[in-house]
Amino acid sequence: MNKRSKIIFFIGLLVLMLAFFRWNHYATLTTSQVKVIEVSTDEIVVEKMSGDRETVQIPKGIYKLIEVNQEYSIKYEHRKWEKPTLVSIEP
């Protein structure tokens, strides 16, 4: 590789690293008291106390432990351009 190719490569790598840092920096952590409306193998639909509904992705295998029409305190992470992801859940 010549000098110009190396410079372009490192600039591209730097831009990718900055984009990843910016994307990762904008994660929002939310804690909410909710009622579970629907449960499927990879996500749950919850209703917040304000009446808003949200679909939250859950880890595999945990759906068997969550009951419909029960209230839970959940913590979930939300990033721009992604569905919210469950971090913790307590009855």
N, C-alpha and C. Protein backbone atom coordinates (compact mmCIF):
# COMPACT_ATOMS: atom_id res chain seq x y z
N MET A 1 0.84 -1.19 0.00
CA MET A 1 0.00 0.00 0.00
C MET A 1 0.88 1.24 0.00
N ASN A 2 0.45 2.20 -0.77
CA ASN A 2 1.19 3.45 -0.75
C ASN A 2 0.71 4.34 0.38
N LYS A 3 1.36 5.46 0.57
CA LYS A 3 1.08 6.35 1.70
C LYS A 3 -0.36 6.88 1.66
N ARG A 4 -0.84 7.22 0.48
CA ARG A 4 -2.19 7.78 0.34
C ARG A 4 -3.25 6.74 0.72
N SER A 5 -3.07 5.50 0.32
CA SER A 5 -4.01 4.43 0.66
C SER A 5 -4.06 4.19 2.16
N LYS A 6 -2.90 4.25 2.81
CA LYS A 6 -2.85 4.06 4.26
C LYS A 6 -3.59 5.19 4.98
N ILE A 7 -3.41 6.41 4.53
CA ILE A 7 -4.08 7.55 5.15
C ILE A 7 -5.59 7.43 5.00
N ILE A 8 -6.06 7.07 3.81
CA ILE A 8 -7.50 6.90 3.58
C ILE A 8 -8.05 5.77 4.44
N PHE A 9 -7.30 4.67 4.56
CA PHE A 9 -7.72 3.55 5.38
C PHE A 9 -7.88 3.97 6.84
N PHE A 10 -6.89 4.68 7.39
CA PHE A 10 -6.96 5.10 8.79
C PHE A 10 -8.04 6.15 9.03
N ILE A 11 -8.27 7.02 8.08
CA ILE A 11 -9.36 7.99 8.22
C ILE A 11 -10.70 7.27 8.22
N GLY A 12 -10.88 6.30 7.34
CA GLY A 12 -12.10 5.49 7.31
C GLY A 12 -12.30 4.73 8.61
N LEU A 13 -11.24 4.16 9.12
CA LEU A 13 -11.31 3.44 10.39
C LEU A 13 -11.68 4.38 11.53
N LEU A 14 -11.12 5.57 11.55
CA LEU A 14 -11.43 6.56 12.57
C LEU A 14 -12.89 6.98 12.49
N VAL A 15 -13.41 7.19 11.29
CA VAL A 15 -14.81 7.56 11.12
C VAL A 15 -15.73 6.46 11.63
N LEU A 16 -15.41 5.21 11.33
CA LEU A 16 -16.21 4.08 11.82
C LEU A 16 -16.18 4.00 13.34
N MET A 17 -15.04 4.22 13.95
CA MET A 17 -14.94 4.17 15.40
C MET A 17 -15.75 5.30 16.04
N LEU A 18 -15.69 6.49 15.47
CA LEU A 18 -16.47 7.60 16.00
C LEU A 18 -17.97 7.37 15.84
N ALA A 19 -18.38 6.79 14.71
CA ALA A 19 -19.80 6.49 14.49
C ALA A 19 -20.28 5.45 15.50
N PHE A 20 -19.47 4.44 15.76
CA PHE A 20 -19.84 3.42 16.74
C PHE A 20 -19.94 4.03 18.13
N PHE A 21 -18.99 4.89 18.50
CA PHE A 21 -19.02 5.53 19.81
C PHE A 21 -20.27 6.38 19.95
N ARG A 22 -20.60 7.13 18.93
CA ARG A 22 -21.79 7.99 18.98
C ARG A 22 -23.06 7.14 19.10
N TRP A 23 -23.16 6.05 18.32
CA TRP A 23 -24.32 5.17 18.39
C TRP A 23 -24.44 4.56 19.78
N ASN A 24 -23.33 4.12 20.33
CA ASN A 24 -23.33 3.48 21.64
C ASN A 24 -23.62 4.48 22.76
N HIS A 25 -23.26 5.72 22.56
CA HIS A 25 -23.44 6.75 23.57
C HIS A 25 -24.90 7.12 23.77
N TYR A 26 -25.73 6.93 22.78
CA TYR A 26 -27.12 7.35 22.85
C TYR A 26 -28.08 6.29 23.36
N ALA A 27 -27.62 5.37 24.17
CA ALA A 27 -28.49 4.37 24.78
C ALA A 27 -29.22 5.01 25.96
N THR A 28 -30.51 4.75 26.06
CA THR A 28 -31.32 5.28 27.14
C THR A 28 -31.79 4.12 28.00
N LEU A 29 -31.59 4.22 29.31
CA LEU A 29 -32.03 3.19 30.24
C LEU A 29 -33.29 3.68 30.93
N THR A 30 -34.36 2.90 30.84
CA THR A 30 -35.66 3.29 31.39
C THR A 30 -36.12 2.26 32.41
N THR A 31 -36.63 2.72 33.52
CA THR A 31 -37.25 1.86 34.53
C THR A 31 -38.72 2.21 34.60
N SER A 32 -39.58 1.20 34.61
CA SER A 32 -41.01 1.46 34.57
C SER A 32 -41.80 0.35 35.26
N GLN A 33 -42.90 0.74 35.86
CA GLN A 33 -43.86 -0.23 36.41
C GLN A 33 -44.85 -0.52 35.29
N VAL A 34 -44.99 -1.78 34.89
CA VAL A 34 -45.80 -2.12 33.73
C VAL A 34 -46.70 -3.32 34.00
N LYS A 35 -47.67 -3.50 33.12
CA LYS A 35 -48.51 -4.69 33.11
C LYS A 35 -48.24 -5.39 31.78
N VAL A 36 -47.96 -6.68 31.83
CA VAL A 36 -47.65 -7.44 30.62
C VAL A 36 -48.95 -7.75 29.88
N ILE A 37 -49.02 -7.39 28.62
CA ILE A 37 -50.20 -7.61 27.78
C ILE A 37 -50.05 -8.87 26.93
N GLU A 38 -48.87 -9.05 26.32
CA GLU A 38 -48.61 -10.22 25.46
C GLU A 38 -47.20 -10.72 25.73
N VAL A 39 -47.02 -12.04 25.57
CA VAL A 39 -45.70 -12.66 25.70
C VAL A 39 -45.49 -13.56 24.50
N SER A 40 -44.34 -13.40 23.82
CA SER A 40 -43.95 -14.34 22.77
C SER A 40 -42.52 -14.79 23.06
N THR A 41 -41.96 -15.62 22.23
CA THR A 41 -40.65 -16.20 22.53
C THR A 41 -39.52 -15.18 22.56
N ASP A 42 -39.65 -14.08 21.82
CA ASP A 42 -38.55 -13.12 21.78
C ASP A 42 -38.91 -11.70 22.18
N GLU A 43 -40.18 -11.43 22.54
CA GLU A 43 -40.56 -10.09 22.96
C GLU A 43 -41.83 -10.10 23.80
N ILE A 44 -42.00 -9.02 24.56
CA ILE A 44 -43.21 -8.84 25.35
C ILE A 44 -43.81 -7.47 25.00
N VAL A 45 -45.12 -7.39 25.09
CA VAL A 45 -45.81 -6.12 24.94
C VAL A 45 -46.27 -5.73 26.33
N VAL A 46 -45.86 -4.53 26.75
CA VAL A 46 -46.20 -4.07 28.09
C VAL A 46 -47.00 -2.78 28.01
N GLU A 47 -47.81 -2.56 29.04
CA GLU A 47 -48.57 -1.31 29.13
C GLU A 47 -48.07 -0.58 30.38
N LYS A 48 -47.59 0.64 30.16
CA LYS A 48 -47.11 1.45 31.28
C LYS A 48 -48.30 2.00 32.04
N MET A 49 -48.06 2.52 33.22
CA MET A 49 -49.14 3.08 34.05
C MET A 49 -49.79 4.29 33.37
N SER A 50 -49.08 4.93 32.45
CA SER A 50 -49.64 6.07 31.72
C SER A 50 -50.58 5.63 30.61
N GLY A 51 -50.62 4.31 30.32
CA GLY A 51 -51.49 3.79 29.27
C GLY A 51 -50.77 3.53 27.95
N ASP A 52 -49.52 4.00 27.83
CA ASP A 52 -48.73 3.76 26.61
C ASP A 52 -48.29 2.30 26.56
N ARG A 53 -48.26 1.76 25.34
CA ARG A 53 -47.78 0.38 25.14
C ARG A 53 -46.43 0.40 24.48
N GLU A 54 -45.60 -0.58 24.85
CA GLU A 54 -44.25 -0.68 24.32
C GLU A 54 -43.93 -2.15 24.09
N THR A 55 -43.23 -2.44 22.99
CA THR A 55 -42.76 -3.79 22.71
C THR A 55 -41.29 -3.86 23.09
N VAL A 56 -40.94 -4.83 23.94
CA VAL A 56 -39.58 -4.95 24.47
C VAL A 56 -39.04 -6.33 24.14
N GLN A 57 -37.84 -6.38 23.55
CA GLN A 57 -37.19 -7.66 23.27
C GLN A 57 -36.71 -8.28 24.57
N ILE A 58 -36.82 -9.62 24.64
CA ILE A 58 -36.40 -10.34 25.85
C ILE A 58 -35.40 -11.43 25.47
N PRO A 59 -34.56 -11.86 26.42
CA PRO A 59 -33.64 -12.97 26.16
C PRO A 59 -34.40 -14.27 25.90
N LYS A 60 -33.77 -15.16 25.14
CA LYS A 60 -34.39 -16.45 24.84
C LYS A 60 -34.60 -17.26 26.11
N GLY A 61 -35.76 -17.93 26.18
CA GLY A 61 -36.05 -18.81 27.30
C GLY A 61 -36.72 -18.15 28.48
N ILE A 62 -36.70 -16.84 28.56
CA ILE A 62 -37.29 -16.16 29.71
C ILE A 62 -38.81 -16.00 29.58
N TYR A 63 -39.32 -16.16 28.38
CA TYR A 63 -40.76 -15.96 28.15
C TYR A 63 -41.62 -16.91 28.98
N LYS A 64 -41.09 -18.06 29.34
CA LYS A 64 -41.86 -19.02 30.15
C LYS A 64 -42.07 -18.54 31.57
N LEU A 65 -41.25 -17.61 32.03
CA LEU A 65 -41.31 -17.12 33.40
C LEU A 65 -42.19 -15.88 33.56
N ILE A 66 -42.59 -15.28 32.45
CA ILE A 66 -43.37 -14.04 32.49
C ILE A 66 -44.84 -14.37 32.25
N GLU A 67 -45.69 -13.87 33.13
CA GLU A 67 -47.12 -14.15 33.03
C GLU A 67 -47.89 -12.94 32.49
N VAL A 68 -48.88 -13.22 31.64
CA VAL A 68 -49.73 -12.17 31.09
C VAL A 68 -50.65 -11.63 32.19
N ASN A 69 -50.99 -10.37 32.12
CA ASN A 69 -51.86 -9.65 33.07
C ASN A 69 -51.26 -9.53 34.47
N GLN A 70 -49.95 -9.66 34.58
CA GLN A 70 -49.25 -9.45 35.85
C GLN A 70 -48.47 -8.15 35.77
N GLU A 71 -48.28 -7.51 36.92
CA GLU A 71 -47.51 -6.27 36.97
C GLU A 71 -46.06 -6.59 37.33
N TYR A 72 -45.14 -5.91 36.65
CA TYR A 72 -43.72 -6.09 36.87
C TYR A 72 -43.03 -4.72 36.87
N SER A 73 -41.90 -4.68 37.52
CA SER A 73 -41.02 -3.53 37.43
C SER A 73 -39.91 -3.94 36.46
N ILE A 74 -39.81 -3.25 35.34
CA ILE A 74 -38.81 -3.63 34.35
C ILE A 74 -37.82 -2.49 34.12
N LYS A 75 -36.63 -2.89 33.69
CA LYS A 75 -35.62 -1.94 33.27
C LYS A 75 -35.22 -2.37 31.86
N TYR A 76 -35.28 -1.42 30.92
CA TYR A 76 -34.92 -1.76 29.56
C TYR A 76 -34.08 -0.66 28.93
N GLU A 77 -33.28 -1.07 27.95
CA GLU A 77 -32.37 -0.17 27.27
C GLU A 77 -32.90 0.09 25.87
N HIS A 78 -32.85 1.34 25.46
CA HIS A 78 -33.34 1.71 24.14
C HIS A 78 -32.27 2.50 23.41
N ARG A 79 -31.94 2.03 22.23
CA ARG A 79 -31.00 2.75 21.35
C ARG A 79 -31.76 3.21 20.12
N LYS A 80 -31.27 4.28 19.53
CA LYS A 80 -31.90 4.80 18.33
C LYS A 80 -31.83 3.74 17.24
N TRP A 81 -32.89 3.57 16.50
CA TRP A 81 -33.04 2.62 15.40
C TRP A 81 -33.10 1.17 15.84
N GLU A 82 -33.35 0.89 17.11
CA GLU A 82 -33.49 -0.49 17.59
C GLU A 82 -34.70 -0.60 18.51
N LYS A 83 -35.21 -1.81 18.64
CA LYS A 83 -36.27 -2.06 19.62
C LYS A 83 -35.66 -2.03 21.02
N PRO A 84 -36.45 -1.65 22.01
CA PRO A 84 -35.95 -1.70 23.39
C PRO A 84 -35.60 -3.14 23.78
N THR A 85 -34.58 -3.29 24.62
CA THR A 85 -34.11 -4.59 25.07
C THR A 85 -34.20 -4.68 26.59
N LEU A 86 -34.79 -5.75 27.09
CA LEU A 86 -34.96 -5.95 28.52
C LEU A 86 -33.61 -6.13 29.21
N VAL A 87 -33.42 -5.40 30.31
CA VAL A 87 -32.21 -5.53 31.12
C VAL A 87 -32.53 -6.32 32.38
N SER A 88 -33.67 -5.98 33.06
CA SER A 88 -34.07 -6.74 34.25
C SER A 88 -35.59 -6.66 34.42
N ILE A 89 -36.13 -7.64 35.13
CA ILE A 89 -37.56 -7.69 35.39
C ILE A 89 -37.78 -8.26 36.79
N GLU A 90 -38.69 -7.63 37.55
CA GLU A 90 -39.01 -8.09 38.91
C GLU A 90 -40.50 -8.01 39.12
N PRO A 91 -41.07 -8.97 39.87
CA PRO A 91 -42.52 -8.93 40.14
C PRO A 91 -42.90 -7.78 41.06
